[in-house]
């Protein structure tokens, strides 16, 4: 497999929440980097094109999109939101 990451990821084990359209889905964040994260879900779920990942204990909130998926593990890319759009 070819490594495509531009930044090093760090292993973590944190509870998180995926939020979209006022619906929250619990997840476990398994690793993180500046540009994204890998999460585990308890059950396979269809995710929208873009959503928010929150880690309450770290006061962490990022807009995301899915970049890969393997059963219940999902790779996310953090999406930069333009200042004019906020």
PDB file of N, CA and C in Angstrom:
ATOM      1  N   UNK A   1       0.839  -1.176   0.000  1.00  0.00           N
ATOM      2  CA  UNK A   1       0.000   0.000   0.000  1.00  0.00           C
ATOM      3  C   UNK A   1       0.886   1.243   0.000  1.00  0.00           C
ATOM      4  N   UNK A   2       0.538   2.223  -0.778  1.00  0.00           N
ATOM      5  CA  UNK A   2       1.312   3.451  -0.882  1.00  0.00           C
ATOM      6  C   UNK A   2       0.833   4.438   0.177  1.00  0.00           C
ATOM      7  N   UNK A   3       1.775   4.973   0.943  1.00  0.00           N
ATOM      8  CA  UNK A   3       1.456   5.966   1.982  1.00  0.00           C
ATOM      9  C   UNK A   3       1.188   7.310   1.317  1.00  0.00           C
ATOM     10  N   UNK A   4      -0.002   7.879   1.566  1.00  0.00           N
ATOM     11  CA  UNK A   4      -0.386   9.139   0.942  1.00  0.00           C
ATOM     12  C   UNK A   4      -0.437  10.296   1.927  1.00  0.00           C
ATOM     13  N   UNK A   5      -0.233  10.021   3.206  1.00  0.00           N
ATOM     14  CA  UNK A   5      -0.311  11.085   4.205  1.00  0.00           C
ATOM     15  C   UNK A   5       0.860  12.042   4.082  1.00  0.00           C
ATOM     16  N   UNK A   6       0.591  13.319   4.302  1.00  0.00           N
ATOM     17  CA  UNK A   6       1.652  14.315   4.274  1.00  0.00           C
ATOM     18  C   UNK A   6       2.130  14.670   5.678  1.00  0.00           C
ATOM     19  N   UNK A   7       1.369  14.290   6.700  1.00  0.00           N
ATOM     20  CA  UNK A   7       1.767  14.542   8.083  1.00  0.00           C
ATOM     21  C   UNK A   7       1.663  13.248   8.877  1.00  0.00           C
ATOM     22  N   UNK A   8       2.452  13.144   9.931  1.00  0.00           N
ATOM     23  CA  UNK A   8       2.480  11.957  10.777  1.00  0.00           C
ATOM     24  C   UNK A   8       1.219  11.892  11.631  1.00  0.00           C
ATOM     25  N   UNK A   9       0.648  10.687  11.762  1.00  0.00           N
ATOM     26  CA  UNK A   9      -0.528  10.537  12.617  1.00  0.00           C
ATOM     27  C   UNK A   9      -0.112   9.982  13.972  1.00  0.00           C
ATOM     28  N   UNK A  10      -0.904  10.301  14.978  1.00  0.00           N
ATOM     29  CA  UNK A  10      -0.658   9.868  16.347  1.00  0.00           C
ATOM     30  C   UNK A  10      -1.802   8.967  16.789  1.00  0.00           C
ATOM     31  N   UNK A  11      -1.451   7.830  17.382  1.00  0.00           N
ATOM     32  CA  UNK A  11      -2.483   6.934  17.898  1.00  0.00           C
ATOM     33  C   UNK A  11      -3.169   7.562  19.096  1.00  0.00           C
ATOM     34  N   UNK A  12      -4.481   7.461  19.103  1.00  0.00           N
ATOM     35  CA  UNK A  12      -5.280   7.956  20.227  1.00  0.00           C
ATOM     36  C   UNK A  12      -6.408   6.963  20.464  1.00  0.00           C
ATOM     37  N   UNK A  13      -7.085   7.111  21.556  1.00  0.00           N
ATOM     38  CA  UNK A  13      -8.270   6.307  21.865  1.00  0.00           C
ATOM     39  C   UNK A  13      -9.222   7.231  22.613  1.00  0.00           C
ATOM     40  N   UNK A  14     -10.038   7.969  21.845  1.00  0.00           N
ATOM     41  CA  UNK A  14     -10.908   8.988  22.432  1.00  0.00           C
ATOM     42  C   UNK A  14     -12.325   8.824  21.909  1.00  0.00           C
ATOM     43  N   UNK A  15     -13.269   9.107  22.769  1.00  0.00           N
ATOM     44  CA  UNK A  15     -14.662   9.107  22.365  1.00  0.00           C
ATOM     45  C   UNK A  15     -14.974  10.365  21.578  1.00  0.00           C
ATOM     46  N   UNK A  16     -15.698  10.216  20.495  1.00  0.00           N
ATOM     47  CA  UNK A  16     -16.069  11.351  19.671  1.00  0.00           C
ATOM     48  C   UNK A  16     -17.505  11.235  19.207  1.00  0.00           C
ATOM     49  N   UNK A  17     -17.951  12.270  18.521  1.00  0.00           N
ATOM     50  CA  UNK A  17     -19.300  12.296  17.962  1.00  0.00           C
ATOM     51  C   UNK A  17     -19.247  12.862  16.556  1.00  0.00           C
ATOM     52  N   UNK A  18     -19.888  12.166  15.638  1.00  0.00           N
ATOM     53  CA  UNK A  18     -20.077  12.666  14.285  1.00  0.00           C
ATOM     54  C   UNK A  18     -21.455  13.314  14.259  1.00  0.00           C
ATOM     55  N   UNK A  19     -21.520  14.547  13.797  1.00  0.00           N
ATOM     56  CA  UNK A  19     -22.787  15.265  13.771  1.00  0.00           C
ATOM     57  C   UNK A  19     -23.095  15.750  12.361  1.00  0.00           C
ATOM     58  N   UNK A  20     -24.331  15.512  11.937  1.00  0.00           N
ATOM     59  CA  UNK A  20     -24.809  15.999  10.656  1.00  0.00           C
ATOM     60  C   UNK A  20     -26.322  16.088  10.716  1.00  0.00           C
ATOM     61  N   UNK A  21     -26.845  17.202  10.256  1.00  0.00           N
ATOM     62  CA  UNK A  21     -28.299  17.397  10.209  1.00  0.00           C
ATOM     63  C   UNK A  21     -28.949  17.084  11.553  1.00  0.00           C
ATOM     64  N   UNK A  22     -28.399  17.606  12.622  1.00  0.00           N
ATOM     65  CA  UNK A  22     -28.920  17.452  13.987  1.00  0.00           C
ATOM     66  C   UNK A  22     -28.975  16.004  14.456  1.00  0.00           C
ATOM     67  N   UNK A  23     -28.151  15.135  13.893  1.00  0.00           N
ATOM     68  CA  UNK A  23     -28.092  13.735  14.291  1.00  0.00           C
ATOM     69  C   UNK A  23     -26.666  13.428  14.730  1.00  0.00           C
ATOM     70  N   UNK A  24     -26.506  12.842  15.903  1.00  0.00           N
ATOM     71  CA  UNK A  24     -25.188  12.506  16.411  1.00  0.00           C
ATOM     72  C   UNK A  24     -24.951  11.009  16.418  1.00  0.00           C
ATOM     73  N   UNK A  25     -23.751  10.606  16.025  1.00  0.00           N
ATOM     74  CA  UNK A  25     -23.358   9.204  16.007  1.00  0.00           C
ATOM     75  C   UNK A  25     -22.079   9.069  16.821  1.00  0.00           C
ATOM     76  N   UNK A  26     -22.095   8.226  17.834  1.00  0.00           N
ATOM     77  CA  UNK A  26     -20.905   8.013  18.651  1.00  0.00           C
ATOM     78  C   UNK A  26     -19.843   7.277  17.841  1.00  0.00           C
ATOM     79  N   UNK A  27     -18.579   7.641  18.082  1.00  0.00           N
ATOM     80  CA  UNK A  27     -17.466   6.983  17.414  1.00  0.00           C
ATOM     81  C   UNK A  27     -16.266   6.941  18.356  1.00  0.00           C
ATOM     82  N   UNK A  28     -15.276   6.163  17.982  1.00  0.00           N
ATOM     83  CA  UNK A  28     -14.005   6.124  18.704  1.00  0.00           C
ATOM     84  C   UNK A  28     -12.924   6.613  17.760  1.00  0.00           C
ATOM     85  N   UNK A  29     -12.217   7.657  18.155  1.00  0.00           N
ATOM     86  CA  UNK A  29     -11.132   8.196  17.343  1.00  0.00           C
ATOM     87  C   UNK A  29      -9.891   7.360  17.633  1.00  0.00           C
ATOM     88  N   UNK A  30      -9.305   6.756  16.594  1.00  0.00           N
ATOM     89  CA  UNK A  30      -8.179   5.833  16.759  1.00  0.00           C
ATOM     90  C   UNK A  30      -6.831   6.458  16.445  1.00  0.00           C
ATOM     91  N   UNK A  31      -6.785   7.389  15.499  1.00  0.00           N
ATOM     92  CA  UNK A  31      -5.554   8.135  15.256  1.00  0.00           C
ATOM     93  C   UNK A  31      -5.901   9.480  14.661  1.00  0.00           C
ATOM     94  N   UNK A  32      -4.974  10.423  14.802  1.00  0.00           N
ATOM     95  CA  UNK A  32      -5.204  11.782  14.318  1.00  0.00           C
ATOM     96  C   UNK A  32      -3.909  12.373  13.790  1.00  0.00           C
ATOM     97  N   UNK A  33      -4.062  13.287  12.844  1.00  0.00           N
ATOM     98  CA  UNK A  33      -2.961  14.089  12.345  1.00  0.00           C
ATOM     99  C   UNK A  33      -3.507  15.494  12.123  1.00  0.00           C
ATOM    100  N   UNK A  34      -2.671  16.386  11.629  1.00  0.00           N
ATOM    101  CA  UNK A  34      -3.148  17.738  11.335  1.00  0.00           C
ATOM    102  C   UNK A  34      -4.250  17.735  10.282  1.00  0.00           C
ATOM    103  N   UNK A  35      -4.164  16.783   9.355  1.00  0.00           N
ATOM    104  CA  UNK A  35      -5.088  16.785   8.225  1.00  0.00           C
ATOM    105  C   UNK A  35      -6.270  15.866   8.307  1.00  0.00           C
ATOM    106  N   UNK A  36      -6.314  14.988   9.334  1.00  0.00           N
ATOM    107  CA  UNK A  36      -7.433  14.063   9.386  1.00  0.00           C
ATOM    108  C   UNK A  36      -7.370  13.105  10.553  1.00  0.00           C
ATOM    109  N   UNK A  37      -8.222  12.097  10.505  1.00  0.00           N
ATOM    110  CA  UNK A  37      -8.323  11.129  11.595  1.00  0.00           C
ATOM    111  C   UNK A  37      -8.882   9.824  11.057  1.00  0.00           C
ATOM    112  N   UNK A  38      -8.724   8.777  11.845  1.00  0.00           N
ATOM    113  CA  UNK A  38      -9.390   7.499  11.575  1.00  0.00           C
ATOM    114  C   UNK A  38     -10.302   7.228  12.754  1.00  0.00           C
ATOM    115  N   UNK A  39     -11.531   6.837  12.457  1.00  0.00           N
ATOM    116  CA  UNK A  39     -12.504   6.576  13.510  1.00  0.00           C
ATOM    117  C   UNK A  39     -13.074   5.175  13.351  1.00  0.00           C
ATOM    118  N   UNK A  40     -13.559   4.619  14.447  1.00  0.00           N
ATOM    119  CA  UNK A  40     -14.291   3.358  14.442  1.00  0.00           C
ATOM    120  C   UNK A  40     -15.732   3.638  14.842  1.00  0.00           C
ATOM    121  N   UNK A  41     -16.655   2.966  14.165  1.00  0.00           N
ATOM    122  CA  UNK A  41     -18.072   3.035  14.502  1.00  0.00           C
ATOM    123  C   UNK A  41     -18.510   1.690  15.042  1.00  0.00           C
ATOM    124  N   UNK A  42     -19.495   1.681  15.939  1.00  0.00           N
ATOM    125  CA  UNK A  42     -20.017   0.421  16.482  1.00  0.00           C
ATOM    126  C   UNK A  42     -20.738  -0.392  15.414  1.00  0.00           C
ATOM    127  N   UNK A  43     -21.399   0.301  14.489  1.00  0.00           N
ATOM    128  CA  UNK A  43     -22.179  -0.352  13.444  1.00  0.00           C
ATOM    129  C   UNK A  43     -21.907   0.371  12.131  1.00  0.00           C
ATOM    130  N   UNK A  44     -21.916  -0.357  11.012  1.00  0.00           N
ATOM    131  CA  UNK A  44     -21.765   0.323   9.724  1.00  0.00           C
ATOM    132  C   UNK A  44     -22.878   1.352   9.531  1.00  0.00           C
ATOM    133  N   UNK A  45     -22.509   2.546   9.141  1.00  0.00           N
ATOM    134  CA  UNK A  45     -23.456   3.646   8.969  1.00  0.00           C
ATOM    135  C   UNK A  45     -23.129   4.366   7.665  1.00  0.00           C
ATOM    136  N   UNK A  46     -24.148   4.772   6.950  1.00  0.00           N
ATOM    137  CA  UNK A  46     -23.948   5.612   5.776  1.00  0.00           C
ATOM    138  C   UNK A  46     -23.797   7.053   6.245  1.00  0.00           C
ATOM    139  N   UNK A  47     -22.686   7.662   5.880  1.00  0.00           N
ATOM    140  CA  UNK A  47     -22.423   9.042   6.292  1.00  0.00           C
ATOM    141  C   UNK A  47     -22.680   9.995   5.139  1.00  0.00           C
ATOM    142  N   UNK A  48     -23.086  11.224   5.460  1.00  0.00           N
ATOM    143  CA  UNK A  48     -23.254  12.229   4.399  1.00  0.00           C
ATOM    144  C   UNK A  48     -21.892  12.634   3.843  1.00  0.00           C
ATOM    145  N   UNK A  49     -21.908  13.412   2.793  1.00  0.00           N
ATOM    146  CA  UNK A  49     -20.668  13.840   2.143  1.00  0.00           C
ATOM    147  C   UNK A  49     -19.780  14.655   3.089  1.00  0.00           C
ATOM    148  N   UNK A  50     -20.370  15.501   3.902  1.00  0.00           N
ATOM    149  CA  UNK A  50     -19.600  16.269   4.884  1.00  0.00           C
ATOM    150  C   UNK A  50     -20.336  16.262   6.224  1.00  0.00           C
ATOM    151  N   UNK A  51     -19.565  16.353   7.298  1.00  0.00           N
ATOM    152  CA  UNK A  51     -20.119  16.270   8.646  1.00  0.00           C
ATOM    153  C   UNK A  51     -19.104  16.859   9.609  1.00  0.00           C
ATOM    154  N   UNK A  52     -19.447  16.876  10.893  1.00  0.00           N
ATOM    155  CA  UNK A  52     -18.573  17.435  11.919  1.00  0.00           C
ATOM    156  C   UNK A  52     -18.124  16.337  12.867  1.00  0.00           C
ATOM    157  N   UNK A  53     -16.827  16.330  13.196  1.00  0.00           N
ATOM    158  CA  UNK A  53     -16.283  15.444  14.218  1.00  0.00           C
ATOM    159  C   UNK A  53     -15.996  16.278  15.449  1.00  0.00           C
ATOM    160  N   UNK A  54     -16.522  15.856  16.604  1.00  0.00           N
ATOM    161  CA  UNK A  54     -16.296  16.549  17.874  1.00  0.00           C
ATOM    162  C   UNK A  54     -15.703  15.580  18.886  1.00  0.00           C
ATOM    163  N   UNK A  55     -14.741  16.083  19.660  1.00  0.00           N
ATOM    164  CA  UNK A  55     -14.203  15.347  20.802  1.00  0.00           C
ATOM    165  C   UNK A  55     -14.379  16.274  21.995  1.00  0.00           C
ATOM    166  N   UNK A  56     -15.426  16.041  22.771  1.00  0.00           N
ATOM    167  CA  UNK A  56     -15.834  16.959  23.831  1.00  0.00           C
ATOM    168  C   UNK A  56     -14.733  17.204  24.853  1.00  0.00           C
ATOM    169  N   UNK A  57     -14.045  16.157  25.289  1.00  0.00           N
ATOM    170  CA  UNK A  57     -13.051  16.331  26.362  1.00  0.00           C
ATOM    171  C   UNK A  57     -11.863  17.185  25.936  1.00  0.00           C
ATOM    172  N   UNK A  58     -11.633  17.301  24.614  1.00  0.00           N
ATOM    173  CA  UNK A  58     -10.535  18.124  24.099  1.00  0.00           C
ATOM    174  C   UNK A  58     -11.020  19.449  23.530  1.00  0.00           C
ATOM    175  N   UNK A  59     -12.328  19.703  23.595  1.00  0.00           N
ATOM    176  CA  UNK A  59     -12.911  20.902  23.003  1.00  0.00           C
ATOM    177  C   UNK A  59     -12.499  21.004  21.526  1.00  0.00           C
ATOM    178  N   UNK A  60     -12.592  19.877  20.819  1.00  0.00           N
ATOM    179  CA  UNK A  60     -12.132  19.736  19.442  1.00  0.00           C
ATOM    180  C   UNK A  60     -13.338  19.599  18.522  1.00  0.00           C
ATOM    181  N   UNK A  61     -13.414  20.429  17.488  1.00  0.00           N
ATOM    182  CA  UNK A  61     -14.501  20.354  16.501  1.00  0.00           C
ATOM    183  C   UNK A  61     -13.898  20.638  15.123  1.00  0.00           C
ATOM    184  N   UNK A  62     -14.121  19.742  14.175  1.00  0.00           N
ATOM    185  CA  UNK A  62     -13.628  19.932  12.814  1.00  0.00           C
ATOM    186  C   UNK A  62     -14.666  19.459  11.808  1.00  0.00           C
ATOM    187  N   UNK A  63     -14.782  20.195  10.704  1.00  0.00           N
ATOM    188  CA  UNK A  63     -15.580  19.744   9.568  1.00  0.00           C
ATOM    189  C   UNK A  63     -14.771  18.682   8.835  1.00  0.00           C
ATOM    190  N   UNK A  64     -15.440  17.630   8.360  1.00  0.00           N
ATOM    191  CA  UNK A  64     -14.744  16.484   7.773  1.00  0.00           C
ATOM    192  C   UNK A  64     -15.445  15.991   6.520  1.00  0.00           C
ATOM    193  N   UNK A  65     -14.685  15.155   5.797  1.00  0.00           N
ATOM    194  CA  UNK A  65     -15.250  14.367   4.701  1.00  0.00           C
ATOM    195  C   UNK A  65     -14.579  12.997   4.743  1.00  0.00           C
ATOM    196  N   UNK A  66     -15.266  11.978   4.280  1.00  0.00           N
ATOM    197  CA  UNK A  66     -14.721  10.626   4.250  1.00  0.00           C
ATOM    198  C   UNK A  66     -13.745  10.490   3.085  1.00  0.00           C
ATOM    199  N   UNK A  67     -12.568   9.897   3.339  1.00  0.00           N
ATOM    200  CA  UNK A  67     -11.602   9.659   2.264  1.00  0.00           C
ATOM    201  C   UNK A  67     -11.382   8.170   2.013  1.00  0.00           C
ATOM    202  N   UNK A  68     -11.649   7.320   2.986  1.00  0.00           N
ATOM    203  CA  UNK A  68     -11.611   5.872   2.784  1.00  0.00           C
ATOM    204  C   UNK A  68     -12.464   5.196   3.846  1.00  0.00           C
ATOM    205  N   UNK A  69     -12.795   3.942   3.576  1.00  0.00           N
ATOM    206  CA  UNK A  69     -13.653   3.209   4.499  1.00  0.00           C
ATOM    207  C   UNK A  69     -13.311   1.727   4.421  1.00  0.00           C
ATOM    208  N   UNK A  70     -13.283   1.067   5.579  1.00  0.00           N
ATOM    209  CA  UNK A  70     -13.011  -0.360   5.655  1.00  0.00           C
ATOM    210  C   UNK A  70     -13.906  -0.924   6.759  1.00  0.00           C
ATOM    211  N   UNK A  71     -15.040  -1.475   6.384  1.00  0.00           N
ATOM    212  CA  UNK A  71     -16.024  -2.010   7.323  1.00  0.00           C
ATOM    213  C   UNK A  71     -16.469  -0.921   8.293  1.00  0.00           C
ATOM    214  N   UNK A  72     -16.000  -0.966   9.552  1.00  0.00           N
ATOM    215  CA  UNK A  72     -16.428   0.034  10.537  1.00  0.00           C
ATOM    216  C   UNK A  72     -15.356   1.079  10.823  1.00  0.00           C
ATOM    217  N   UNK A  73     -14.210   1.010  10.181  1.00  0.00           N
ATOM    218  CA  UNK A  73     -13.185   2.045  10.329  1.00  0.00           C
ATOM    219  C   UNK A  73     -13.259   2.982   9.134  1.00  0.00           C
ATOM    220  N   UNK A  74     -13.207   4.285   9.427  1.00  0.00           N
ATOM    221  CA  UNK A  74     -13.367   5.298   8.393  1.00  0.00           C
ATOM    222  C   UNK A  74     -12.244   6.318   8.510  1.00  0.00           C
ATOM    223  N   UNK A  75     -11.627   6.634   7.375  1.00  0.00           N
ATOM    224  CA  UNK A  75     -10.602   7.676   7.331  1.00  0.00           C
ATOM    225  C   UNK A  75     -11.232   8.999   6.966  1.00  0.00           C
ATOM    226  N   UNK A  76     -10.919  10.030   7.738  1.00  0.00           N
ATOM    227  CA  UNK A  76     -11.494  11.358   7.539  1.00  0.00           C
ATOM    228  C   UNK A  76     -10.424  12.363   7.157  1.00  0.00           C
ATOM    229  N   UNK A  77     -10.789  13.305   6.317  1.00  0.00           N
ATOM    230  CA  UNK A  77      -9.946  14.468   6.038  1.00  0.00           C
ATOM    231  C   UNK A  77     -10.631  15.670   6.654  1.00  0.00           C
ATOM    232  N   UNK A  78      -9.862  16.489   7.359  1.00  0.00           N
ATOM    233  CA  UNK A  78     -10.412  17.717   7.912  1.00  0.00           C
ATOM    234  C   UNK A  78     -10.515  18.734   6.783  1.00  0.00           C
ATOM    235  N   UNK A  79     -11.667  19.371   6.705  1.00  0.00           N
ATOM    236  CA  UNK A  79     -11.948  20.323   5.633  1.00  0.00           C
ATOM    237  C   UNK A  79     -11.794  21.734   6.174  1.00  0.00           C
ATOM    238  N   UNK A  80     -10.986  22.517   5.495  1.00  0.00           N
ATOM    239  CA  UNK A  80     -10.828  23.922   5.887  1.00  0.00           C
ATOM    240  C   UNK A  80     -12.043  24.687   5.365  1.00  0.00           C
ATOM    241  N   UNK A  81     -12.647  25.448   6.246  1.00  0.00           N
ATOM    242  CA  UNK A  81     -13.800  26.258   5.842  1.00  0.00           C
ATOM    243  C   UNK A  81     -13.319  27.667   5.574  1.00  0.00           C
ATOM    244  N   UNK A  82     -13.751  28.239   4.455  1.00  0.00           N
ATOM    245  CA  UNK A  82     -13.298  29.588   4.160  1.00  0.00           C
ATOM    246  C   UNK A  82     -13.929  30.589   5.128  1.00  0.00           C
ATOM    247  N   UNK A  83     -13.201  31.643   5.412  1.00  0.00           N
ATOM    248  CA  UNK A  83     -13.653  32.646   6.382  1.00  0.00           C
ATOM    249  C   UNK A  83     -14.943  33.304   5.920  1.00  0.00           C
ATOM    250  N   UNK A  84     -15.100  33.535   4.635  1.00  0.00           N
ATOM    251  CA  UNK A  84     -16.305  34.167   4.113  1.00  0.00           C
ATOM    252  C   UNK A  84     -17.549  33.302   4.311  1.00  0.00           C
ATOM    253  N   UNK A  85     -17.350  31.954   4.389  1.00  0.00           N
ATOM    254  CA  UNK A  85     -18.478  31.040   4.513  1.00  0.00           C
ATOM    255  C   UNK A  85     -18.980  30.886   5.934  1.00  0.00           C
ATOM    256  N   UNK A  86     -18.214  31.312   6.909  1.00  0.00           N
ATOM    257  CA  UNK A  86     -18.609  31.110   8.317  1.00  0.00           C
ATOM    258  C   UNK A  86     -19.706  32.050   8.734  1.00  0.00           C
TER     259      UNK A  86
END
